[in-house]
């Protein structure tokens, strides 16, 4: 009787690769049954303009709760005989349509290029109807200096 070892033997050649399996089928498309359809009504107004031109560009139930309405434009300007003031200033200007009830509803937007170093900051209604208080920065001015800050005032309705 001959005994043989259970040790490692030589490996044979690798066999060929098998064929590729079949691809799975694609799933079904999702349903669009619960989506709100696009509207066919005229676009909703946005302030003093109309948003979009297509009649089906928005959903029927899409309406903005707030709008912006132009109250008017003013030019924050002053010519000073002598001034060394620099920094924040506040001044009242006449603007029809502004009332004290407009507190926290006014929006100040620059509508032109201000004098170098000047910047409009905010707008509040004055205690008197027809007056708006504008907060703004000015640079160090000298004798006969003039500054100009053109702004538009909008009301959030």
N, C-alpha and C. Protein backbone atom coordinates (compact mmCIF):
# COMPACT_ATOMS: atom_id res chain seq x y z
N UNK A 1 0.82 -1.15 0.00
CA UNK A 1 0.00 0.00 0.00
C UNK A 1 0.87 1.23 0.00
N UNK A 2 0.48 2.21 -0.79
CA UNK A 2 1.25 3.43 -0.93
C UNK A 2 0.47 4.56 -0.27
N UNK A 3 1.15 5.35 0.51
CA UNK A 3 0.51 6.50 1.18
C UNK A 3 0.87 7.77 0.42
N UNK A 4 -0.08 8.56 0.30
CA UNK A 4 0.16 9.85 -0.36
C UNK A 4 -0.14 10.99 0.59
N UNK A 5 0.54 12.08 0.41
CA UNK A 5 0.35 13.27 1.24
C UNK A 5 -0.86 14.04 0.73
N UNK A 6 -1.54 14.69 1.65
CA UNK A 6 -2.68 15.55 1.29
C UNK A 6 -2.20 16.98 1.04
N UNK A 7 -0.99 17.20 0.74
CA UNK A 7 -0.43 18.54 0.50
C UNK A 7 -0.99 19.15 -0.77
N UNK A 8 -0.52 20.32 -1.04
CA UNK A 8 -1.01 21.07 -2.19
C UNK A 8 -0.43 20.49 -3.47
N UNK A 9 -1.27 20.41 -4.48
CA UNK A 9 -0.82 19.97 -5.79
C UNK A 9 -0.76 21.14 -6.75
N UNK A 10 -0.41 20.90 -7.97
CA UNK A 10 -0.37 21.97 -8.98
C UNK A 10 -1.77 22.34 -9.41
N UNK A 11 -1.98 23.62 -9.69
CA UNK A 11 -3.27 24.07 -10.17
C UNK A 11 -3.34 23.88 -11.66
N UNK A 12 -4.54 23.61 -12.12
CA UNK A 12 -4.74 23.49 -13.56
C UNK A 12 -5.04 24.85 -14.17
N UNK A 13 -5.26 24.87 -15.47
CA UNK A 13 -5.59 26.12 -16.18
C UNK A 13 -6.98 26.59 -15.79
N UNK A 14 -7.14 27.97 -15.84
CA UNK A 14 -8.46 28.53 -15.59
C UNK A 14 -9.37 28.20 -16.76
N UNK A 15 -10.64 28.00 -16.42
CA UNK A 15 -11.61 27.76 -17.47
C UNK A 15 -12.07 29.06 -18.11
N UNK A 16 -12.85 28.97 -19.17
CA UNK A 16 -13.39 30.15 -19.85
C UNK A 16 -14.44 30.82 -18.98
N UNK A 17 -14.60 32.18 -19.21
CA UNK A 17 -15.64 32.91 -18.52
C UNK A 17 -16.99 32.47 -19.05
N UNK A 18 -17.97 32.48 -18.16
CA UNK A 18 -19.32 32.14 -18.59
C UNK A 18 -19.96 33.28 -19.36
N UNK A 19 -21.10 33.04 -19.98
CA UNK A 19 -21.80 34.07 -20.73
C UNK A 19 -22.49 35.03 -19.77
N UNK A 20 -22.72 36.29 -20.24
CA UNK A 20 -23.41 37.28 -19.43
C UNK A 20 -24.85 36.88 -19.20
N UNK A 21 -25.37 37.22 -18.02
CA UNK A 21 -26.76 36.94 -17.73
C UNK A 21 -27.66 37.95 -18.44
N UNK A 22 -28.94 37.73 -18.42
CA UNK A 22 -29.88 38.64 -19.07
C UNK A 22 -30.10 39.86 -18.18
N UNK A 23 -30.36 41.01 -18.82
CA UNK A 23 -30.63 42.24 -18.08
C UNK A 23 -32.02 42.17 -17.47
N UNK A 24 -32.19 42.83 -16.30
CA UNK A 24 -33.51 42.90 -15.69
C UNK A 24 -34.40 43.85 -16.48
N UNK A 25 -35.68 43.79 -16.27
CA UNK A 25 -36.60 44.67 -16.98
C UNK A 25 -36.68 46.01 -16.26
N UNK A 26 -36.98 47.08 -17.01
CA UNK A 26 -37.13 48.41 -16.43
C UNK A 26 -38.42 48.47 -15.62
N UNK A 27 -38.39 49.26 -14.54
CA UNK A 27 -39.59 49.46 -13.75
C UNK A 27 -40.60 50.31 -14.49
N UNK A 28 -41.80 50.38 -13.96
CA UNK A 28 -42.84 51.18 -14.61
C UNK A 28 -42.63 52.65 -14.27
N UNK A 29 -43.10 53.53 -15.15
CA UNK A 29 -42.99 54.97 -14.92
C UNK A 29 -43.91 55.38 -13.78
N UNK A 30 -43.49 56.41 -13.02
CA UNK A 30 -44.29 56.91 -11.92
C UNK A 30 -45.53 57.63 -12.42
N UNK A 31 -46.48 57.82 -11.52
CA UNK A 31 -47.73 58.47 -11.87
C UNK A 31 -47.61 59.97 -11.67
N UNK A 32 -48.24 60.74 -12.51
CA UNK A 32 -48.29 62.20 -12.40
C UNK A 32 -49.71 62.63 -12.05
N UNK A 33 -50.49 61.70 -11.52
CA UNK A 33 -51.90 61.97 -11.29
C UNK A 33 -52.14 63.00 -10.20
N UNK A 34 -51.21 63.17 -9.24
CA UNK A 34 -51.46 64.08 -8.13
C UNK A 34 -50.82 65.45 -8.34
N UNK A 35 -50.08 65.67 -9.44
CA UNK A 35 -49.43 66.96 -9.68
C UNK A 35 -50.48 68.00 -10.05
N UNK A 36 -50.30 69.23 -9.56
CA UNK A 36 -51.22 70.31 -9.92
C UNK A 36 -50.91 70.74 -11.35
N UNK A 37 -51.91 70.74 -12.21
CA UNK A 37 -51.64 71.11 -13.61
C UNK A 37 -51.29 72.59 -13.74
N UNK A 38 -50.57 72.92 -14.81
CA UNK A 38 -50.25 74.31 -15.07
C UNK A 38 -51.53 75.06 -15.40
N UNK A 39 -51.55 76.34 -15.04
CA UNK A 39 -52.75 77.13 -15.24
C UNK A 39 -52.91 77.58 -16.69
N UNK A 40 -54.13 77.89 -17.01
CA UNK A 40 -54.41 78.43 -18.34
C UNK A 40 -54.90 79.87 -18.22
N UNK A 41 -54.93 80.40 -17.00
CA UNK A 41 -55.39 81.77 -16.78
C UNK A 41 -54.28 82.76 -17.08
N UNK A 42 -54.65 84.02 -17.18
CA UNK A 42 -53.68 85.08 -17.39
C UNK A 42 -52.72 85.12 -16.21
N UNK A 43 -51.42 85.36 -16.42
CA UNK A 43 -50.47 85.40 -15.30
C UNK A 43 -50.89 86.39 -14.23
N UNK A 44 -50.55 86.07 -12.98
CA UNK A 44 -50.90 86.92 -11.85
C UNK A 44 -50.08 88.20 -11.88
N UNK A 45 -50.64 89.37 -11.51
CA UNK A 45 -49.87 90.61 -11.50
C UNK A 45 -48.83 90.60 -10.40
N UNK A 46 -47.71 91.27 -10.65
CA UNK A 46 -46.63 91.40 -9.68
C UNK A 46 -46.34 92.88 -9.55
N UNK A 47 -46.88 93.51 -8.52
CA UNK A 47 -46.70 94.95 -8.36
C UNK A 47 -47.39 95.67 -9.49
N UNK A 48 -46.65 96.54 -10.18
CA UNK A 48 -47.21 97.31 -11.28
C UNK A 48 -46.92 96.67 -12.63
N UNK A 49 -46.36 95.47 -12.64
CA UNK A 49 -46.05 94.80 -13.89
C UNK A 49 -46.71 93.43 -13.89
N UNK A 50 -46.63 92.72 -15.00
CA UNK A 50 -47.19 91.39 -15.09
C UNK A 50 -46.06 90.39 -15.19
N UNK A 51 -46.14 89.33 -14.42
CA UNK A 51 -45.09 88.30 -14.43
C UNK A 51 -45.31 87.36 -15.59
N UNK A 52 -44.34 87.25 -16.47
CA UNK A 52 -44.40 86.30 -17.57
C UNK A 52 -45.33 86.73 -18.68
N UNK A 53 -45.28 86.02 -19.79
CA UNK A 53 -46.15 86.33 -20.91
C UNK A 53 -46.95 85.11 -21.34
N UNK A 54 -46.50 83.91 -20.97
CA UNK A 54 -47.23 82.70 -21.34
C UNK A 54 -48.47 82.57 -20.47
N UNK A 55 -49.52 81.93 -21.01
CA UNK A 55 -50.74 81.77 -20.24
C UNK A 55 -50.74 80.47 -19.45
N UNK A 56 -49.71 79.64 -19.59
CA UNK A 56 -49.67 78.40 -18.81
C UNK A 56 -48.35 78.26 -18.07
N UNK A 57 -47.78 79.38 -17.63
CA UNK A 57 -46.46 79.36 -17.01
C UNK A 57 -46.50 79.13 -15.50
N UNK A 58 -47.67 79.09 -14.90
CA UNK A 58 -47.72 78.89 -13.46
C UNK A 58 -48.95 78.07 -13.10
N UNK A 59 -48.91 77.51 -11.91
CA UNK A 59 -50.05 76.74 -11.45
C UNK A 59 -51.17 77.70 -11.08
N UNK A 60 -52.41 77.22 -11.21
CA UNK A 60 -53.58 78.06 -10.88
C UNK A 60 -53.56 78.50 -9.42
N UNK A 61 -53.04 77.66 -8.52
CA UNK A 61 -53.09 77.98 -7.09
C UNK A 61 -51.85 78.75 -6.62
N UNK A 62 -50.99 79.18 -7.54
CA UNK A 62 -49.75 79.88 -7.17
C UNK A 62 -49.98 81.39 -7.21
N UNK A 63 -50.24 81.98 -6.05
CA UNK A 63 -50.46 83.42 -5.95
C UNK A 63 -49.60 83.94 -4.81
N UNK A 64 -48.87 85.01 -5.04
CA UNK A 64 -48.03 85.60 -4.00
C UNK A 64 -48.88 86.36 -3.00
N UNK A 65 -48.54 86.19 -1.72
CA UNK A 65 -49.30 86.86 -0.67
C UNK A 65 -48.94 88.34 -0.56
N UNK A 66 -47.71 88.70 -0.89
CA UNK A 66 -47.26 90.09 -0.78
C UNK A 66 -46.85 90.61 -2.15
N UNK A 67 -47.04 91.90 -2.35
CA UNK A 67 -46.62 92.56 -3.58
C UNK A 67 -45.87 93.83 -3.22
N UNK A 68 -45.13 94.35 -4.18
CA UNK A 68 -44.37 95.58 -3.99
C UNK A 68 -44.97 96.64 -4.90
N UNK A 69 -45.27 97.79 -4.31
CA UNK A 69 -45.91 98.89 -5.05
C UNK A 69 -45.04 100.13 -4.97
N UNK A 70 -44.72 100.72 -6.11
CA UNK A 70 -43.92 101.95 -6.14
C UNK A 70 -44.72 103.10 -5.54
N UNK A 71 -44.14 103.75 -4.53
CA UNK A 71 -44.77 104.93 -3.93
C UNK A 71 -44.28 106.17 -4.66
N UNK A 72 -42.97 106.24 -4.91
CA UNK A 72 -42.40 107.37 -5.62
C UNK A 72 -40.89 107.38 -5.55
N UNK A 73 -40.30 108.32 -6.24
CA UNK A 73 -38.84 108.47 -6.26
C UNK A 73 -38.46 109.84 -5.74
N UNK A 74 -37.35 109.90 -5.04
CA UNK A 74 -36.85 111.18 -4.53
C UNK A 74 -35.34 111.22 -4.71
N UNK A 75 -34.80 112.41 -4.62
CA UNK A 75 -33.35 112.59 -4.68
C UNK A 75 -32.91 113.17 -3.34
N UNK A 76 -32.19 112.36 -2.58
CA UNK A 76 -31.66 112.82 -1.29
C UNK A 76 -30.46 113.70 -1.63
N UNK A 77 -30.63 114.99 -1.46
CA UNK A 77 -29.57 115.92 -1.86
C UNK A 77 -29.47 117.07 -0.87
N UNK A 78 -28.30 117.64 -0.82
CA UNK A 78 -28.07 118.78 0.07
C UNK A 78 -26.80 119.50 -0.38
N UNK A 79 -26.82 120.80 -0.30
CA UNK A 79 -25.62 121.60 -0.52
C UNK A 79 -25.31 122.29 0.80
N UNK A 80 -24.12 122.09 1.27
CA UNK A 80 -23.74 122.62 2.58
C UNK A 80 -22.77 123.78 2.44
N UNK A 81 -23.03 124.84 3.18
CA UNK A 81 -22.13 125.98 3.17
C UNK A 81 -20.79 125.57 3.77
N UNK A 82 -20.82 125.03 4.96
CA UNK A 82 -19.62 124.50 5.61
C UNK A 82 -20.04 123.26 6.39
N UNK A 83 -19.34 122.17 6.20
CA UNK A 83 -19.67 120.96 6.93
C UNK A 83 -18.44 120.10 7.13
N UNK A 84 -18.30 119.58 8.31
CA UNK A 84 -17.24 118.64 8.60
C UNK A 84 -17.83 117.32 9.09
N UNK A 85 -19.15 117.19 8.99
CA UNK A 85 -19.82 115.98 9.45
C UNK A 85 -19.52 114.81 8.53
N UNK A 86 -19.38 113.65 9.12
CA UNK A 86 -19.19 112.43 8.35
C UNK A 86 -19.98 111.34 9.06
N UNK A 87 -20.59 110.43 8.29
CA UNK A 87 -21.31 109.31 8.89
C UNK A 87 -22.79 109.34 8.60
N UNK A 88 -23.54 108.71 9.47
CA UNK A 88 -24.98 108.51 9.30
C UNK A 88 -25.76 109.79 9.53
N UNK A 89 -26.72 110.04 8.62
CA UNK A 89 -27.63 111.18 8.75
C UNK A 89 -29.05 110.68 8.54
N UNK A 90 -30.03 111.44 8.97
CA UNK A 90 -31.43 111.14 8.73
C UNK A 90 -32.14 112.45 8.45
N UNK A 91 -32.96 112.44 7.38
CA UNK A 91 -33.65 113.66 6.98
C UNK A 91 -35.02 113.30 6.43
N UNK A 92 -36.03 114.14 6.68
CA UNK A 92 -37.38 113.93 6.15
C UNK A 92 -37.51 114.58 4.78
N UNK A 93 -38.23 113.89 3.89
CA UNK A 93 -38.49 114.38 2.54
C UNK A 93 -39.97 114.23 2.24
N UNK A 94 -40.51 115.14 1.44
CA UNK A 94 -41.92 115.06 1.03
C UNK A 94 -42.09 113.93 0.02
N UNK A 95 -43.08 113.06 0.27
CA UNK A 95 -43.40 111.98 -0.66
C UNK A 95 -44.87 111.61 -0.46
N UNK A 96 -45.69 112.06 -1.40
CA UNK A 96 -47.13 111.81 -1.33
C UNK A 96 -47.41 110.31 -1.30
N UNK A 97 -48.38 109.94 -0.48
CA UNK A 97 -48.78 108.53 -0.41
C UNK A 97 -48.22 107.78 0.77
N UNK A 98 -47.23 108.34 1.46
CA UNK A 98 -46.66 107.67 2.64
C UNK A 98 -47.44 108.12 3.87
N UNK A 99 -47.84 107.16 4.70
CA UNK A 99 -48.56 107.48 5.93
C UNK A 99 -47.84 106.83 7.11
N UNK A 100 -48.11 107.27 8.32
CA UNK A 100 -47.48 106.64 9.49
C UNK A 100 -47.81 105.14 9.60
N UNK A 101 -48.90 104.70 9.01
CA UNK A 101 -49.28 103.28 9.03
C UNK A 101 -48.35 102.41 8.18
N UNK A 102 -47.46 103.03 7.41
CA UNK A 102 -46.52 102.29 6.56
C UNK A 102 -45.29 101.79 7.31
N UNK A 103 -45.30 101.88 8.64
CA UNK A 103 -44.16 101.41 9.43
C UNK A 103 -43.87 99.96 9.10
N UNK A 104 -42.60 99.62 8.91
CA UNK A 104 -42.13 98.28 8.58
C UNK A 104 -42.62 97.78 7.22
N UNK A 105 -43.08 98.68 6.36
CA UNK A 105 -43.57 98.28 5.04
C UNK A 105 -42.84 98.98 3.91
N UNK A 106 -41.88 99.87 4.22
CA UNK A 106 -41.22 100.63 3.16
C UNK A 106 -39.89 99.98 2.79
N UNK A 107 -39.60 100.03 1.50
CA UNK A 107 -38.38 99.46 0.95
C UNK A 107 -37.69 100.54 0.13
N UNK A 108 -36.42 100.78 0.41
CA UNK A 108 -35.64 101.81 -0.28
C UNK A 108 -34.73 101.12 -1.30
N UNK A 109 -34.76 101.58 -2.55
CA UNK A 109 -33.96 100.99 -3.62
C UNK A 109 -33.24 102.11 -4.37
N UNK A 110 -31.91 102.03 -4.54
CA UNK A 110 -31.22 103.04 -5.34
C UNK A 110 -31.71 102.99 -6.79
N UNK A 111 -31.89 104.14 -7.41
CA UNK A 111 -32.32 104.15 -8.82
C UNK A 111 -31.38 104.96 -9.69
N UNK A 112 -30.19 105.18 -9.22
CA UNK A 112 -29.16 105.92 -9.96
C UNK A 112 -27.85 105.84 -9.19
N UNK A 113 -26.86 106.50 -9.70
CA UNK A 113 -25.54 106.49 -9.07
C UNK A 113 -25.44 107.62 -8.05
N UNK A 114 -25.17 107.30 -6.79
CA UNK A 114 -25.03 108.35 -5.79
C UNK A 114 -23.66 109.03 -5.88
N UNK A 115 -23.54 110.16 -5.25
CA UNK A 115 -22.26 110.85 -5.15
C UNK A 115 -21.27 109.91 -4.44
N UNK A 116 -20.02 109.93 -4.87
CA UNK A 116 -19.00 109.05 -4.30
C UNK A 116 -18.98 109.16 -2.78
N UNK A 117 -18.99 108.03 -2.11
CA UNK A 117 -18.94 108.00 -0.65
C UNK A 117 -20.28 108.07 0.03
N UNK A 118 -21.36 108.25 -0.74
CA UNK A 118 -22.70 108.34 -0.17
C UNK A 118 -23.44 107.03 -0.38
N UNK A 119 -24.31 106.71 0.54
CA UNK A 119 -25.07 105.46 0.44
C UNK A 119 -26.38 105.61 1.20
N UNK A 120 -27.51 105.29 0.54
CA UNK A 120 -28.81 105.27 1.21
C UNK A 120 -28.93 103.98 2.01
N UNK A 121 -29.52 104.05 3.20
CA UNK A 121 -29.58 102.89 4.08
C UNK A 121 -31.00 102.38 4.27
N UNK A 122 -31.94 103.25 4.66
CA UNK A 122 -33.30 102.78 4.92
C UNK A 122 -34.29 103.93 4.81
N UNK A 123 -35.58 103.58 4.86
CA UNK A 123 -36.66 104.56 4.79
C UNK A 123 -37.73 104.19 5.81
N UNK A 124 -38.19 105.20 6.56
CA UNK A 124 -39.27 105.03 7.52
C UNK A 124 -40.32 106.10 7.25
N UNK A 125 -41.58 105.80 7.53
CA UNK A 125 -42.57 106.88 7.42
C UNK A 125 -42.36 107.87 8.56
N UNK A 126 -42.56 109.13 8.29
CA UNK A 126 -42.48 110.15 9.34
C UNK A 126 -43.80 110.16 10.10
N UNK A 127 -43.84 110.88 11.19
CA UNK A 127 -45.07 110.99 11.97
C UNK A 127 -46.14 111.73 11.19
N UNK A 128 -45.73 112.53 10.21
CA UNK A 128 -46.66 113.31 9.39
C UNK A 128 -46.89 112.59 8.06
N UNK A 129 -48.16 112.47 7.65
CA UNK A 129 -48.45 111.85 6.35
C UNK A 129 -47.82 112.67 5.23
N UNK A 130 -47.39 111.98 4.19
CA UNK A 130 -46.76 112.66 3.06
C UNK A 130 -45.28 112.95 3.27
N UNK A 131 -44.69 112.39 4.32
CA UNK A 131 -43.27 112.60 4.62
C UNK A 131 -42.61 111.23 4.83
N UNK A 132 -41.40 111.08 4.31
CA UNK A 132 -40.63 109.87 4.52
C UNK A 132 -39.27 110.26 5.09
N UNK A 133 -38.80 109.49 6.07
CA UNK A 133 -37.52 109.75 6.71
C UNK A 133 -36.49 108.79 6.11
N UNK A 134 -35.43 109.35 5.54
CA UNK A 134 -34.39 108.56 4.87
C UNK A 134 -33.12 108.58 5.71
N UNK A 135 -32.57 107.39 5.96
CA UNK A 135 -31.28 107.28 6.64
C UNK A 135 -30.20 107.06 5.58
N UNK A 136 -29.08 107.79 5.69
CA UNK A 136 -28.04 107.69 4.66
C UNK A 136 -26.68 108.07 5.24
N UNK A 137 -25.63 107.61 4.57
CA UNK A 137 -24.25 107.95 4.93
C UNK A 137 -23.71 108.99 3.97
N UNK A 138 -22.89 109.89 4.50
CA UNK A 138 -22.20 110.88 3.66
C UNK A 138 -20.72 110.88 4.02
N UNK A 139 -19.89 111.25 3.07
CA UNK A 139 -18.45 111.35 3.38
C UNK A 139 -18.15 112.67 4.06
N UNK A 140 -16.91 112.86 4.42
CA UNK A 140 -16.47 114.13 4.98
C UNK A 140 -16.59 115.18 3.88
N UNK A 141 -17.43 116.20 4.13
CA UNK A 141 -17.68 117.23 3.13
C UNK A 141 -17.00 118.53 3.55
N UNK A 142 -16.79 119.39 2.60
CA UNK A 142 -16.12 120.65 2.89
C UNK A 142 -16.99 121.85 2.58
N UNK A 143 -16.38 122.94 2.24
CA UNK A 143 -17.08 124.20 1.95
C UNK A 143 -17.81 124.07 0.61
N UNK A 144 -19.11 124.36 0.62
CA UNK A 144 -19.92 124.34 -0.60
C UNK A 144 -20.09 122.95 -1.19
N UNK A 145 -19.94 121.91 -0.41
CA UNK A 145 -20.05 120.55 -0.92
C UNK A 145 -21.51 120.17 -1.18
N UNK A 146 -21.74 119.36 -2.21
CA UNK A 146 -23.07 118.88 -2.57
C UNK A 146 -23.03 117.37 -2.72
N UNK A 147 -24.07 116.71 -2.26
CA UNK A 147 -24.19 115.28 -2.51
C UNK A 147 -25.59 114.98 -3.05
N UNK A 148 -25.71 113.86 -3.73
CA UNK A 148 -26.97 113.45 -4.34
C UNK A 148 -27.08 111.92 -4.28
N UNK A 149 -28.23 111.44 -3.79
CA UNK A 149 -28.48 110.00 -3.70
C UNK A 149 -29.89 109.75 -4.25
N UNK A 150 -30.02 109.34 -5.51
CA UNK A 150 -31.35 109.08 -6.07
C UNK A 150 -31.89 107.72 -5.60
N UNK A 151 -33.13 107.71 -5.07
CA UNK A 151 -33.74 106.47 -4.56
C UNK A 151 -35.20 106.39 -4.95
N UNK A 152 -35.71 105.17 -4.97
CA UNK A 152 -37.14 104.91 -5.14
C UNK A 152 -37.63 104.26 -3.85
N UNK A 153 -38.86 104.59 -3.48
CA UNK A 153 -39.47 104.04 -2.28
C UNK A 153 -40.63 103.14 -2.70
N UNK A 154 -40.63 101.90 -2.21
CA UNK A 154 -41.68 100.94 -2.49
C UNK A 154 -42.38 100.58 -1.19
N UNK A 155 -43.66 100.22 -1.31
CA UNK A 155 -44.44 99.77 -0.17
C UNK A 155 -44.74 98.30 -0.38
N UNK A 156 -44.53 97.48 0.66
CA UNK A 156 -44.88 96.07 0.60
C UNK A 156 -46.33 95.96 1.03
N UNK A 157 -47.19 95.44 0.14
CA UNK A 157 -48.62 95.35 0.44
C UNK A 157 -49.05 93.93 0.64
